[in-house]
Amino acid sequence: MSGCALDEENFRRCCRLLLQQSEQLRDGWSWEAVQAGLVLSVDADSIKGGIEDEEDGEEDEDDGVCVVSEGSSQMLQYEYHILHSCSYSTPVLYFRAFTQDGRSLSLEEVWSSVHPNFRLRLQNSPLNTITLQEHPLLGQPFFMLHPCRTEEFMRPVLQAAQDQHRSVNYVLSWLSVVGPVVGLDVPLKYATQLHPAASLSSTEPD
């Protein structure tokens, strides 16, 4: 790993460590072989407030406390995929969301489900944040958090770790920043389980 760039080999090593920790925490991350590539994926149920009437609500994953707005609320099924972007040399988060009856959320509904703390800042530059794209491996429509600013917010994280001579898992640190934007919170236990050589010393996934 050079600077803020994450090549595919180190991406896989970081994901492998995340999977090892996930197995201990039993939170459902897994490798999925899809055509010519591998996808790190997880499913999560969340209660969302105000999806149909577009009222704002607060939400967390089902392993936390859910606070919803008064009025309409419903359970949503989220599917998250982490892929490696060769163009940006960073991880990329793809996701989609469904209602209980199997209906996919629209882009407008996804924006309405983003926590108000993030929404205003993100909507000032929507082309750089949540967009609807074709999944590069599945060929299906997915929402994507655009990776163009990943290097910008990851550089100080990696620099601080280097200055303090401590290991850092690039994928885990990145996910801790971008995940909460779309309802995917990373348990603090991941950080407490991080062992030395976390970013580089694990075998590649099968």
N, C-alpha and C. Protein backbone atom coordinates (compact mmCIF):
# COMPACT_ATOMS: atom_id res chain seq x y z
N MET A 1 0.85 -1.17 0.00
CA MET A 1 0.00 0.00 0.00
C MET A 1 0.89 1.23 0.00
N SER A 2 0.72 2.06 -1.00
CA SER A 2 1.55 3.24 -1.15
C SER A 2 0.72 4.48 -0.93
N GLY A 3 1.09 5.29 0.10
CA GLY A 3 0.33 6.50 0.38
C GLY A 3 -1.11 6.16 0.70
N CYS A 4 -2.04 6.78 -0.03
CA CYS A 4 -3.47 6.55 0.19
C CYS A 4 -4.03 5.56 -0.82
N ALA A 5 -3.21 5.09 -1.73
CA ALA A 5 -3.68 4.16 -2.74
C ALA A 5 -3.77 2.76 -2.16
N LEU A 6 -4.85 2.05 -2.50
CA LEU A 6 -5.05 0.68 -2.03
C LEU A 6 -5.15 -0.23 -3.24
N ASP A 7 -4.12 -1.05 -3.46
CA ASP A 7 -4.18 -1.96 -4.60
C ASP A 7 -5.06 -3.16 -4.26
N GLU A 8 -5.35 -3.95 -5.27
CA GLU A 8 -6.30 -5.05 -5.08
C GLU A 8 -5.79 -6.09 -4.10
N GLU A 9 -4.48 -6.35 -4.13
CA GLU A 9 -3.93 -7.35 -3.23
C GLU A 9 -4.12 -6.94 -1.77
N ASN A 10 -3.80 -5.67 -1.45
CA ASN A 10 -3.97 -5.22 -0.08
C ASN A 10 -5.44 -5.03 0.29
N PHE A 11 -6.26 -4.71 -0.69
CA PHE A 11 -7.70 -4.66 -0.46
C PHE A 11 -8.19 -6.02 0.02
N ARG A 12 -7.75 -7.08 -0.64
CA ARG A 12 -8.18 -8.42 -0.24
C ARG A 12 -7.66 -8.79 1.14
N ARG A 13 -6.44 -8.38 1.44
CA ARG A 13 -5.89 -8.69 2.76
C ARG A 13 -6.66 -7.97 3.86
N CYS A 14 -6.99 -6.71 3.63
CA CYS A 14 -7.78 -5.96 4.61
C CYS A 14 -9.16 -6.58 4.78
N CYS A 15 -9.76 -7.00 3.69
CA CYS A 15 -11.08 -7.63 3.76
C CYS A 15 -11.01 -8.97 4.48
N ARG A 16 -9.92 -9.69 4.26
CA ARG A 16 -9.76 -10.97 4.93
C ARG A 16 -9.74 -10.80 6.45
N LEU A 17 -9.03 -9.77 6.91
CA LEU A 17 -9.00 -9.50 8.35
C LEU A 17 -10.38 -9.10 8.84
N LEU A 18 -11.08 -8.27 8.08
CA LEU A 18 -12.43 -7.87 8.47
C LEU A 18 -13.33 -9.09 8.59
N LEU A 19 -13.18 -10.04 7.67
CA LEU A 19 -13.98 -11.26 7.72
C LEU A 19 -13.65 -12.10 8.96
N GLN A 20 -12.37 -12.16 9.31
CA GLN A 20 -11.99 -12.92 10.51
C GLN A 20 -12.63 -12.31 11.75
N GLN A 21 -12.63 -11.00 11.82
CA GLN A 21 -13.27 -10.33 12.96
C GLN A 21 -14.78 -10.51 12.92
N SER A 22 -15.36 -10.46 11.71
CA SER A 22 -16.80 -10.63 11.56
C SER A 22 -17.25 -12.01 12.03
N GLU A 23 -16.42 -13.03 11.77
CA GLU A 23 -16.76 -14.38 12.21
C GLU A 23 -16.84 -14.43 13.74
N GLN A 24 -15.94 -13.71 14.41
CA GLN A 24 -15.97 -13.69 15.88
C GLN A 24 -17.18 -12.92 16.40
N LEU A 25 -17.53 -11.84 15.70
CA LEU A 25 -18.66 -11.01 16.13
C LEU A 25 -20.00 -11.53 15.61
N ARG A 26 -19.95 -12.43 14.63
CA ARG A 26 -21.16 -13.03 14.05
C ARG A 26 -22.12 -11.97 13.50
N ASP A 27 -21.56 -11.02 12.72
CA ASP A 27 -22.43 -9.98 12.16
C ASP A 27 -22.68 -10.12 10.67
N GLY A 28 -22.25 -11.26 10.09
CA GLY A 28 -22.78 -11.64 8.79
C GLY A 28 -21.99 -11.28 7.54
N TRP A 29 -20.80 -10.67 7.65
CA TRP A 29 -20.04 -10.38 6.43
C TRP A 29 -19.55 -11.68 5.79
N SER A 30 -19.53 -11.69 4.45
CA SER A 30 -19.07 -12.89 3.74
C SER A 30 -18.53 -12.51 2.37
N TRP A 31 -17.65 -13.38 1.84
CA TRP A 31 -17.20 -13.24 0.46
C TRP A 31 -18.22 -13.92 -0.44
N GLU A 32 -18.56 -13.26 -1.54
CA GLU A 32 -19.44 -13.85 -2.54
C GLU A 32 -18.71 -13.85 -3.87
N ALA A 33 -18.54 -15.04 -4.46
CA ALA A 33 -17.91 -15.13 -5.78
C ALA A 33 -18.95 -14.76 -6.83
N VAL A 34 -18.70 -13.70 -7.58
CA VAL A 34 -19.64 -13.21 -8.58
C VAL A 34 -18.91 -13.08 -9.91
N GLN A 35 -19.22 -13.95 -10.84
CA GLN A 35 -18.62 -13.92 -12.17
C GLN A 35 -17.10 -13.83 -12.05
N ALA A 36 -16.52 -12.70 -12.49
CA ALA A 36 -15.06 -12.61 -12.54
C ALA A 36 -14.46 -11.95 -11.31
N GLY A 37 -15.24 -11.80 -10.23
CA GLY A 37 -14.71 -11.09 -9.08
C GLY A 37 -15.29 -11.57 -7.77
N LEU A 38 -14.82 -10.96 -6.69
CA LEU A 38 -15.29 -11.25 -5.34
C LEU A 38 -15.93 -10.01 -4.76
N VAL A 39 -17.03 -10.23 -4.02
CA VAL A 39 -17.75 -9.13 -3.38
C VAL A 39 -17.82 -9.42 -1.89
N LEU A 40 -17.46 -8.45 -1.08
CA LEU A 40 -17.65 -8.55 0.37
C LEU A 40 -19.04 -8.02 0.65
N SER A 41 -19.92 -8.84 1.23
CA SER A 41 -21.32 -8.44 1.35
C SER A 41 -21.88 -8.76 2.73
N VAL A 42 -22.95 -8.02 3.08
CA VAL A 42 -23.68 -8.26 4.31
C VAL A 42 -25.10 -7.76 4.11
N ASP A 43 -26.05 -8.40 4.78
CA ASP A 43 -27.45 -7.95 4.78
C ASP A 43 -27.76 -7.41 6.17
N ALA A 44 -28.66 -6.43 6.21
CA ALA A 44 -29.05 -5.86 7.51
C ALA A 44 -30.48 -5.37 7.43
N ASP A 45 -31.22 -5.59 8.52
CA ASP A 45 -32.57 -5.06 8.64
C ASP A 45 -32.52 -3.78 9.44
N SER A 46 -33.25 -2.77 9.00
CA SER A 46 -33.34 -1.52 9.73
C SER A 46 -34.78 -1.04 9.74
N ILE A 47 -35.16 -0.36 10.83
CA ILE A 47 -36.46 0.29 10.88
C ILE A 47 -36.25 1.73 10.46
N LYS A 48 -36.98 2.15 9.45
CA LYS A 48 -36.86 3.52 8.95
C LYS A 48 -38.16 4.26 9.21
N GLY A 49 -38.04 5.51 9.56
CA GLY A 49 -39.22 6.34 9.76
C GLY A 49 -39.44 7.26 8.58
N GLY A 50 -40.69 7.43 8.19
CA GLY A 50 -41.02 8.43 7.20
C GLY A 50 -40.59 8.12 5.78
N ILE A 51 -40.48 6.85 5.41
CA ILE A 51 -40.08 6.53 4.04
C ILE A 51 -41.17 6.92 3.06
N GLU A 52 -42.42 6.57 3.37
CA GLU A 52 -43.50 6.83 2.43
C GLU A 52 -43.92 8.29 2.42
N ASP A 53 -43.94 8.92 3.61
CA ASP A 53 -44.36 10.31 3.63
C ASP A 53 -43.19 11.28 3.70
N GLU A 54 -41.97 10.74 3.60
CA GLU A 54 -40.74 11.52 3.54
C GLU A 54 -40.51 12.41 4.76
N GLU A 55 -41.00 11.97 5.93
CA GLU A 55 -40.65 12.65 7.16
C GLU A 55 -39.30 12.13 7.62
N ASP A 56 -38.55 12.99 8.27
CA ASP A 56 -37.21 12.60 8.70
C ASP A 56 -37.29 11.69 9.91
N GLY A 57 -36.32 10.75 9.98
CA GLY A 57 -36.22 9.88 11.14
C GLY A 57 -34.77 9.56 11.41
N GLU A 58 -34.53 8.92 12.54
CA GLU A 58 -33.19 8.47 12.87
C GLU A 58 -33.21 6.95 12.87
N GLU A 59 -32.10 6.36 12.41
CA GLU A 59 -32.09 4.92 12.32
C GLU A 59 -30.71 4.37 12.64
N ASP A 60 -30.71 3.10 13.07
CA ASP A 60 -29.49 2.35 13.27
C ASP A 60 -29.75 0.96 12.74
N GLU A 61 -28.67 0.15 12.70
CA GLU A 61 -28.86 -1.25 12.33
C GLU A 61 -29.65 -1.96 13.42
N ASP A 62 -30.08 -3.18 13.10
CA ASP A 62 -30.95 -3.88 14.03
C ASP A 62 -30.24 -4.31 15.30
N ASP A 63 -28.90 -4.21 15.37
CA ASP A 63 -28.21 -4.57 16.60
C ASP A 63 -28.09 -3.39 17.54
N GLY A 64 -28.75 -2.27 17.22
CA GLY A 64 -28.73 -1.11 18.09
C GLY A 64 -30.16 -0.66 18.36
N VAL A 65 -30.29 0.48 19.02
CA VAL A 65 -31.60 1.04 19.30
C VAL A 65 -32.07 1.82 18.09
N CYS A 66 -33.29 1.61 17.66
CA CYS A 66 -33.85 2.31 16.52
C CYS A 66 -34.79 3.40 17.01
N VAL A 67 -34.59 4.61 16.54
CA VAL A 67 -35.46 5.73 16.86
C VAL A 67 -36.08 6.21 15.57
N VAL A 68 -37.40 6.21 15.48
CA VAL A 68 -38.07 6.54 14.23
C VAL A 68 -39.00 7.71 14.45
N SER A 69 -39.33 8.38 13.34
CA SER A 69 -40.24 9.51 13.44
C SER A 69 -41.65 9.01 13.68
N GLU A 70 -42.49 9.88 14.25
CA GLU A 70 -43.89 9.53 14.42
C GLU A 70 -44.55 9.44 13.05
N GLY A 71 -45.56 8.63 12.95
CA GLY A 71 -46.22 8.45 11.66
C GLY A 71 -45.76 7.14 11.06
N SER A 72 -45.53 7.14 9.75
CA SER A 72 -45.20 5.89 9.07
C SER A 72 -43.80 5.43 9.42
N SER A 73 -43.66 4.13 9.58
CA SER A 73 -42.34 3.53 9.74
C SER A 73 -42.45 2.11 9.22
N GLN A 74 -41.34 1.58 8.73
CA GLN A 74 -41.38 0.24 8.18
C GLN A 74 -39.99 -0.37 8.24
N MET A 75 -39.98 -1.70 8.20
CA MET A 75 -38.73 -2.42 8.19
C MET A 75 -38.19 -2.47 6.76
N LEU A 76 -36.91 -2.16 6.61
CA LEU A 76 -36.26 -2.24 5.31
C LEU A 76 -35.15 -3.27 5.37
N GLN A 77 -34.94 -3.93 4.24
CA GLN A 77 -33.83 -4.88 4.12
C GLN A 77 -32.74 -4.23 3.28
N TYR A 78 -31.54 -4.08 3.86
CA TYR A 78 -30.41 -3.49 3.17
C TYR A 78 -29.42 -4.59 2.77
N GLU A 79 -28.85 -4.44 1.60
CA GLU A 79 -27.80 -5.33 1.13
C GLU A 79 -26.61 -4.46 0.75
N TYR A 80 -25.46 -4.70 1.41
CA TYR A 80 -24.26 -3.88 1.20
C TYR A 80 -23.17 -4.72 0.53
N HIS A 81 -22.52 -4.15 -0.47
CA HIS A 81 -21.40 -4.80 -1.14
C HIS A 81 -20.19 -3.88 -1.10
N ILE A 82 -19.02 -4.42 -0.81
CA ILE A 82 -17.77 -3.67 -0.89
C ILE A 82 -16.95 -4.24 -2.05
N LEU A 83 -16.60 -3.38 -2.98
CA LEU A 83 -15.78 -3.78 -4.11
C LEU A 83 -14.54 -2.90 -4.16
N HIS A 84 -13.56 -3.32 -4.95
CA HIS A 84 -12.36 -2.52 -5.13
C HIS A 84 -12.45 -1.76 -6.45
N SER A 85 -12.15 -0.48 -6.41
CA SER A 85 -12.12 0.34 -7.62
C SER A 85 -10.68 0.45 -8.12
N CYS A 86 -10.42 -0.11 -9.29
CA CYS A 86 -9.08 0.00 -9.88
C CYS A 86 -8.80 1.44 -10.30
N SER A 87 -9.83 2.16 -10.74
CA SER A 87 -9.66 3.54 -11.20
C SER A 87 -9.23 4.47 -10.08
N TYR A 88 -9.85 4.31 -8.90
CA TYR A 88 -9.56 5.20 -7.77
C TYR A 88 -8.62 4.57 -6.75
N SER A 89 -8.33 3.28 -6.90
CA SER A 89 -7.50 2.55 -5.93
C SER A 89 -8.03 2.70 -4.51
N THR A 90 -9.33 2.50 -4.39
CA THR A 90 -10.02 2.59 -3.10
C THR A 90 -11.12 1.55 -3.04
N PRO A 91 -11.65 1.27 -1.85
CA PRO A 91 -12.88 0.47 -1.75
C PRO A 91 -14.06 1.33 -2.21
N VAL A 92 -15.14 0.66 -2.63
CA VAL A 92 -16.37 1.35 -3.01
C VAL A 92 -17.54 0.61 -2.37
N LEU A 93 -18.48 1.36 -1.80
CA LEU A 93 -19.65 0.77 -1.16
C LEU A 93 -20.85 0.84 -2.09
N TYR A 94 -21.35 -0.31 -2.49
CA TYR A 94 -22.60 -0.43 -3.25
C TYR A 94 -23.67 -0.96 -2.31
N PHE A 95 -24.91 -0.54 -2.50
CA PHE A 95 -25.97 -1.04 -1.64
C PHE A 95 -27.32 -0.90 -2.34
N ARG A 96 -28.28 -1.65 -1.83
CA ARG A 96 -29.66 -1.48 -2.26
C ARG A 96 -30.56 -1.76 -1.07
N ALA A 97 -31.78 -1.25 -1.16
CA ALA A 97 -32.71 -1.36 -0.04
C ALA A 97 -34.08 -1.76 -0.55
N PHE A 98 -34.75 -2.61 0.23
CA PHE A 98 -36.07 -3.12 -0.15
C PHE A 98 -37.04 -2.96 1.02
N THR A 99 -38.30 -2.75 0.70
CA THR A 99 -39.34 -2.79 1.71
C THR A 99 -39.67 -4.25 1.99
N GLN A 100 -40.51 -4.49 2.99
CA GLN A 100 -40.84 -5.87 3.36
C GLN A 100 -41.57 -6.61 2.25
N ASP A 101 -42.26 -5.86 1.38
CA ASP A 101 -42.96 -6.53 0.29
C ASP A 101 -42.09 -6.67 -0.96
N GLY A 102 -40.78 -6.37 -0.83
CA GLY A 102 -39.85 -6.59 -1.93
C GLY A 102 -39.67 -5.43 -2.89
N ARG A 103 -40.29 -4.29 -2.62
CA ARG A 103 -40.14 -3.14 -3.51
C ARG A 103 -38.81 -2.44 -3.25
N SER A 104 -38.08 -2.13 -4.34
CA SER A 104 -36.82 -1.41 -4.20
C SER A 104 -37.07 0.06 -3.92
N LEU A 105 -36.26 0.65 -3.05
CA LEU A 105 -36.37 2.07 -2.78
C LEU A 105 -35.86 2.87 -3.98
N SER A 106 -36.48 4.00 -4.22
CA SER A 106 -36.01 4.92 -5.24
C SER A 106 -34.85 5.75 -4.69
N LEU A 107 -34.16 6.46 -5.56
CA LEU A 107 -33.08 7.32 -5.12
C LEU A 107 -33.59 8.38 -4.15
N GLU A 108 -34.78 8.92 -4.43
CA GLU A 108 -35.36 9.94 -3.54
C GLU A 108 -35.63 9.36 -2.15
N GLU A 109 -36.11 8.12 -2.09
CA GLU A 109 -36.39 7.49 -0.80
C GLU A 109 -35.11 7.18 -0.05
N VAL A 110 -34.07 6.80 -0.78
CA VAL A 110 -32.78 6.56 -0.14
C VAL A 110 -32.25 7.86 0.48
N TRP A 111 -32.36 8.96 -0.27
CA TRP A 111 -31.92 10.25 0.27
C TRP A 111 -32.73 10.61 1.52
N SER A 112 -34.03 10.33 1.51
CA SER A 112 -34.86 10.68 2.66
C SER A 112 -34.52 9.84 3.88
N SER A 113 -33.89 8.67 3.67
CA SER A 113 -33.52 7.81 4.79
C SER A 113 -32.16 8.15 5.37
N VAL A 114 -31.39 9.00 4.68
CA VAL A 114 -30.08 9.41 5.19
C VAL A 114 -30.28 10.29 6.42
N HIS A 115 -29.51 10.05 7.45
CA HIS A 115 -29.66 10.81 8.69
C HIS A 115 -29.48 12.30 8.40
N PRO A 116 -30.32 13.15 9.01
CA PRO A 116 -30.24 14.60 8.77
C PRO A 116 -28.85 15.18 9.01
N ASN A 117 -28.06 14.58 9.91
CA ASN A 117 -26.71 15.08 10.16
C ASN A 117 -25.84 15.00 8.93
N PHE A 118 -26.13 14.04 8.04
CA PHE A 118 -25.34 13.87 6.82
C PHE A 118 -26.00 14.48 5.59
N ARG A 119 -27.33 14.51 5.57
CA ARG A 119 -28.06 14.76 4.32
C ARG A 119 -27.74 16.10 3.67
N LEU A 120 -27.81 17.17 4.45
CA LEU A 120 -27.63 18.50 3.87
C LEU A 120 -26.24 18.65 3.26
N ARG A 121 -25.24 18.19 3.99
CA ARG A 121 -23.87 18.30 3.48
C ARG A 121 -23.69 17.48 2.20
N LEU A 122 -24.28 16.30 2.16
CA LEU A 122 -24.13 15.44 0.99
C LEU A 122 -24.88 15.99 -0.21
N GLN A 123 -26.08 16.52 0.02
CA GLN A 123 -26.89 16.98 -1.10
C GLN A 123 -26.35 18.25 -1.74
N ASN A 124 -25.39 18.90 -1.09
CA ASN A 124 -24.75 20.04 -1.72
C ASN A 124 -23.85 19.61 -2.88
N SER A 125 -23.47 18.34 -2.90
CA SER A 125 -22.66 17.81 -4.00
C SER A 125 -23.11 16.39 -4.33
N PRO A 126 -24.35 16.23 -4.81
CA PRO A 126 -24.92 14.89 -4.98
C PRO A 126 -24.16 14.00 -5.96
N LEU A 127 -23.49 14.59 -6.95
CA LEU A 127 -22.75 13.76 -7.90
C LEU A 127 -21.53 13.11 -7.25
N ASN A 128 -21.12 13.63 -6.12
CA ASN A 128 -19.96 13.08 -5.42
C ASN A 128 -20.34 12.14 -4.28
N THR A 129 -21.63 11.87 -4.14
CA THR A 129 -22.04 11.07 -2.99
C THR A 129 -22.89 9.87 -3.44
N ILE A 130 -24.19 9.89 -3.18
CA ILE A 130 -25.03 8.73 -3.49
C ILE A 130 -25.57 8.84 -4.92
N THR A 131 -25.29 7.85 -5.71
CA THR A 131 -25.80 7.81 -7.08
C THR A 131 -26.32 6.41 -7.38
N LEU A 132 -27.13 6.30 -8.40
CA LEU A 132 -27.64 5.01 -8.86
C LEU A 132 -26.77 4.56 -10.03
N GLN A 133 -26.14 3.40 -9.88
CA GLN A 133 -25.21 2.89 -10.88
C GLN A 133 -25.47 1.42 -11.15
N GLU A 134 -24.94 0.94 -12.25
CA GLU A 134 -24.99 -0.50 -12.52
C GLU A 134 -23.86 -1.17 -11.74
N HIS A 135 -24.21 -2.21 -11.01
CA HIS A 135 -23.21 -2.98 -10.27
C HIS A 135 -22.22 -3.57 -11.27
N PRO A 136 -20.91 -3.34 -11.09
CA PRO A 136 -19.93 -3.76 -12.10
C PRO A 136 -19.83 -5.27 -12.29
N LEU A 137 -20.25 -6.05 -11.31
CA LEU A 137 -20.19 -7.51 -11.43
C LEU A 137 -21.55 -8.14 -11.67
N LEU A 138 -22.58 -7.59 -11.05
CA LEU A 138 -23.92 -8.17 -11.18
C LEU A 138 -24.70 -7.61 -12.36
N GLY A 139 -24.34 -6.42 -12.82
CA GLY A 139 -25.07 -5.79 -13.91
C GLY A 139 -26.47 -5.36 -13.53
N GLN A 140 -26.72 -5.17 -12.24
CA GLN A 140 -28.02 -4.77 -11.73
C GLN A 140 -27.92 -3.37 -11.12
N PRO A 141 -29.03 -2.62 -11.06
CA PRO A 141 -28.97 -1.28 -10.47
C PRO A 141 -28.72 -1.34 -8.97
N PHE A 142 -27.71 -0.61 -8.52
CA PHE A 142 -27.36 -0.48 -7.12
C PHE A 142 -27.11 1.00 -6.84
N PHE A 143 -27.28 1.38 -5.59
CA PHE A 143 -26.83 2.70 -5.17
C PHE A 143 -25.35 2.60 -4.82
N MET A 144 -24.64 3.69 -5.01
CA MET A 144 -23.20 3.69 -4.77
C MET A 144 -22.79 4.98 -4.09
N LEU A 145 -21.90 4.86 -3.11
CA LEU A 145 -21.24 6.03 -2.54
C LEU A 145 -20.00 6.29 -3.38
N HIS A 146 -20.00 7.37 -4.12
CA HIS A 146 -18.94 7.63 -5.08
C HIS A 146 -17.58 7.76 -4.38
N PRO A 147 -16.53 7.12 -4.93
CA PRO A 147 -15.23 7.08 -4.23
C PRO A 147 -14.31 8.27 -4.51
N CYS A 148 -14.79 9.28 -5.23
CA CYS A 148 -13.86 10.33 -5.68
C CYS A 148 -13.22 11.10 -4.54
N ARG A 149 -13.84 11.13 -3.35
CA ARG A 149 -13.27 11.87 -2.23
C ARG A 149 -12.69 10.97 -1.15
N THR A 150 -12.58 9.69 -1.46
CA THR A 150 -12.07 8.75 -0.47
C THR A 150 -10.65 9.10 -0.04
N GLU A 151 -9.80 9.38 -1.01
CA GLU A 151 -8.42 9.71 -0.67
C GLU A 151 -8.35 10.95 0.24
N GLU A 152 -9.25 11.89 -0.01
CA GLU A 152 -9.26 13.14 0.75
C GLU A 152 -9.47 12.90 2.24
N PHE A 153 -10.44 12.03 2.59
CA PHE A 153 -10.69 11.83 4.02
C PHE A 153 -9.88 10.69 4.62
N MET A 154 -9.31 9.82 3.77
CA MET A 154 -8.49 8.74 4.30
C MET A 154 -7.05 9.15 4.55
N ARG A 155 -6.57 10.16 3.84
CA ARG A 155 -5.16 10.57 3.99
C ARG A 155 -4.81 10.92 5.44
N PRO A 156 -5.59 11.79 6.14
CA PRO A 156 -5.22 12.10 7.53
C PRO A 156 -5.33 10.89 8.46
N VAL A 157 -6.25 9.97 8.17
CA VAL A 157 -6.39 8.76 8.99
C VAL A 157 -5.13 7.91 8.90
N LEU A 158 -4.67 7.69 7.68
CA LEU A 158 -3.48 6.87 7.46
C LEU A 158 -2.22 7.57 7.96
N GLN A 159 -2.16 8.89 7.79
CA GLN A 159 -0.99 9.64 8.25
C GLN A 159 -0.89 9.59 9.77
N ALA A 160 -2.03 9.75 10.45
CA ALA A 160 -2.03 9.70 11.91
C ALA A 160 -1.58 8.33 12.41
N ALA A 161 -2.03 7.26 11.76
CA ALA A 161 -1.63 5.91 12.15
C ALA A 161 -0.13 5.72 11.96
N GLN A 162 0.38 6.25 10.84
CA GLN A 162 1.82 6.13 10.58
C GLN A 162 2.63 6.91 11.61
N ASP A 163 2.19 8.11 11.94
CA ASP A 163 2.90 8.94 12.92
C ASP A 163 2.92 8.30 14.30
N GLN A 164 1.85 7.56 14.62
CA GLN A 164 1.74 6.93 15.94
C GLN A 164 2.24 5.48 15.94
N HIS A 165 2.76 5.06 14.80
CA HIS A 165 3.33 3.71 14.66
C HIS A 165 2.33 2.63 15.05
N ARG A 166 1.09 2.80 14.60
CA ARG A 166 0.07 1.78 14.88
C ARG A 166 -0.51 1.29 13.56
N SER A 167 -0.98 0.05 13.60
CA SER A 167 -1.53 -0.56 12.40
C SER A 167 -2.94 -0.03 12.14
N VAL A 168 -3.34 -0.09 10.89
CA VAL A 168 -4.68 0.34 10.51
C VAL A 168 -5.17 -0.54 9.37
N ASN A 169 -6.40 -0.96 9.46
CA ASN A 169 -7.04 -1.70 8.37
C ASN A 169 -7.76 -0.66 7.51
N TYR A 170 -7.24 -0.44 6.32
CA TYR A 170 -7.79 0.60 5.44
C TYR A 170 -9.29 0.41 5.23
N VAL A 171 -9.70 -0.81 4.89
CA VAL A 171 -11.11 -1.06 4.58
C VAL A 171 -11.99 -0.82 5.79
N LEU A 172 -11.54 -1.27 6.95
CA LEU A 172 -12.32 -1.08 8.17
C LEU A 172 -12.44 0.40 8.54
N SER A 173 -11.32 1.14 8.45
CA SER A 173 -11.35 2.56 8.76
C SER A 173 -12.25 3.32 7.79
N TRP A 174 -12.12 3.00 6.52
CA TRP A 174 -12.96 3.62 5.48
C TRP A 174 -14.44 3.33 5.73
N LEU A 175 -14.76 2.06 6.04
CA LEU A 175 -16.15 1.68 6.26
C LEU A 175 -16.73 2.37 7.48
N SER A 176 -15.91 2.62 8.48
CA SER A 176 -16.38 3.31 9.68
C SER A 176 -16.81 4.74 9.38
N VAL A 177 -16.23 5.32 8.31
CA VAL A 177 -16.57 6.69 7.92
C VAL A 177 -17.78 6.72 7.01
N VAL A 178 -17.79 5.87 5.97
CA VAL A 178 -18.85 5.97 4.96
C VAL A 178 -20.10 5.18 5.32
N GLY A 179 -19.96 4.08 6.10
CA GLY A 179 -21.10 3.23 6.41
C GLY A 179 -22.25 3.94 7.07
N PRO A 180 -21.99 4.72 8.15
CA PRO A 180 -23.11 5.36 8.85
C PRO A 180 -23.93 6.30 7.97
N VAL A 181 -23.36 6.80 6.89
CA VAL A 181 -24.11 7.68 5.99
C VAL A 181 -25.35 6.97 5.45
N VAL A 182 -25.21 5.66 5.20
CA VAL A 182 -26.32 4.90 4.62
C VAL A 182 -26.79 3.79 5.57
N GLY A 183 -26.68 4.04 6.89
CA GLY A 183 -27.27 3.15 7.87
C GLY A 183 -26.46 1.93 8.25
N LEU A 184 -25.19 1.87 7.83
CA LEU A 184 -24.35 0.72 8.16
C LEU A 184 -23.32 1.14 9.20
N ASP A 185 -23.58 0.82 10.45
CA ASP A 185 -22.67 1.18 11.54
C ASP A 185 -21.70 0.04 11.81
N VAL A 186 -20.44 0.39 12.02
CA VAL A 186 -19.40 -0.60 12.31
C VAL A 186 -19.21 -0.68 13.82
N PRO A 187 -19.44 -1.85 14.43
CA PRO A 187 -19.30 -1.98 15.88
C PRO A 187 -17.90 -1.58 16.35
N LEU A 188 -17.82 -0.94 17.51
CA LEU A 188 -16.54 -0.54 18.08
C LEU A 188 -15.65 -1.74 18.39
N LYS A 189 -16.26 -2.91 18.52
CA LYS A 189 -15.49 -4.10 18.83
C LYS A 189 -14.48 -4.42 17.73
N TYR A 190 -14.75 -3.98 16.51
CA TYR A 190 -13.78 -4.20 15.43
C TYR A 190 -12.46 -3.51 15.76
N ALA A 191 -12.53 -2.30 16.29
CA ALA A 191 -11.31 -1.56 16.61
C ALA A 191 -10.57 -2.19 17.77
N THR A 192 -11.28 -2.71 18.76
CA THR A 192 -10.63 -3.29 19.93
C THR A 192 -10.01 -4.64 19.60
N GLN A 193 -10.48 -5.28 18.52
CA GLN A 193 -9.92 -6.58 18.13
C GLN A 193 -8.75 -6.44 17.18
N LEU A 194 -8.50 -5.23 16.67
CA LEU A 194 -7.45 -5.03 15.67
C LEU A 194 -6.09 -5.42 16.25
N HIS A 195 -5.39 -6.30 15.54
CA HIS A 195 -4.10 -6.74 16.04
C HIS A 195 -2.97 -6.15 15.19
N PRO A 196 -1.72 -6.19 15.64
CA PRO A 196 -0.62 -5.65 14.85
C PRO A 196 -0.58 -6.27 13.47
N ALA A 197 -0.09 -5.53 12.51
CA ALA A 197 -0.03 -5.97 11.11
C ALA A 197 -1.40 -6.19 10.52
N ALA A 198 -2.39 -5.47 11.03
CA ALA A 198 -3.76 -5.68 10.60
C ALA A 198 -3.98 -5.34 9.15
N SER A 199 -3.24 -4.39 8.62
CA SER A 199 -3.50 -3.97 7.26
C SER A 199 -2.80 -4.83 6.23
N LEU A 200 -1.80 -5.61 6.65
CA LEU A 200 -1.01 -6.30 5.63
C LEU A 200 -0.80 -7.78 5.85
N SER A 201 -1.03 -8.31 7.05
CA SER A 201 -0.61 -9.68 7.30
C SER A 201 -1.77 -10.64 7.43
N SER A 202 -2.37 -10.95 6.33
CA SER A 202 -3.36 -12.03 6.34
C SER A 202 -3.40 -12.61 4.95
N THR A 203 -3.81 -13.83 4.87
CA THR A 203 -3.83 -14.48 3.57
C THR A 203 -5.01 -14.00 2.76
N GLU A 204 -4.88 -14.09 1.45
CA GLU A 204 -5.97 -13.67 0.59
C GLU A 204 -7.13 -14.64 0.71
N PRO A 205 -8.37 -14.14 0.47
CA PRO A 205 -9.52 -15.03 0.52
C PRO A 205 -9.49 -16.03 -0.61
N ASP A 206 -10.11 -17.18 -0.38
CA ASP A 206 -10.16 -18.20 -1.43
C ASP A 206 -11.10 -17.77 -2.53
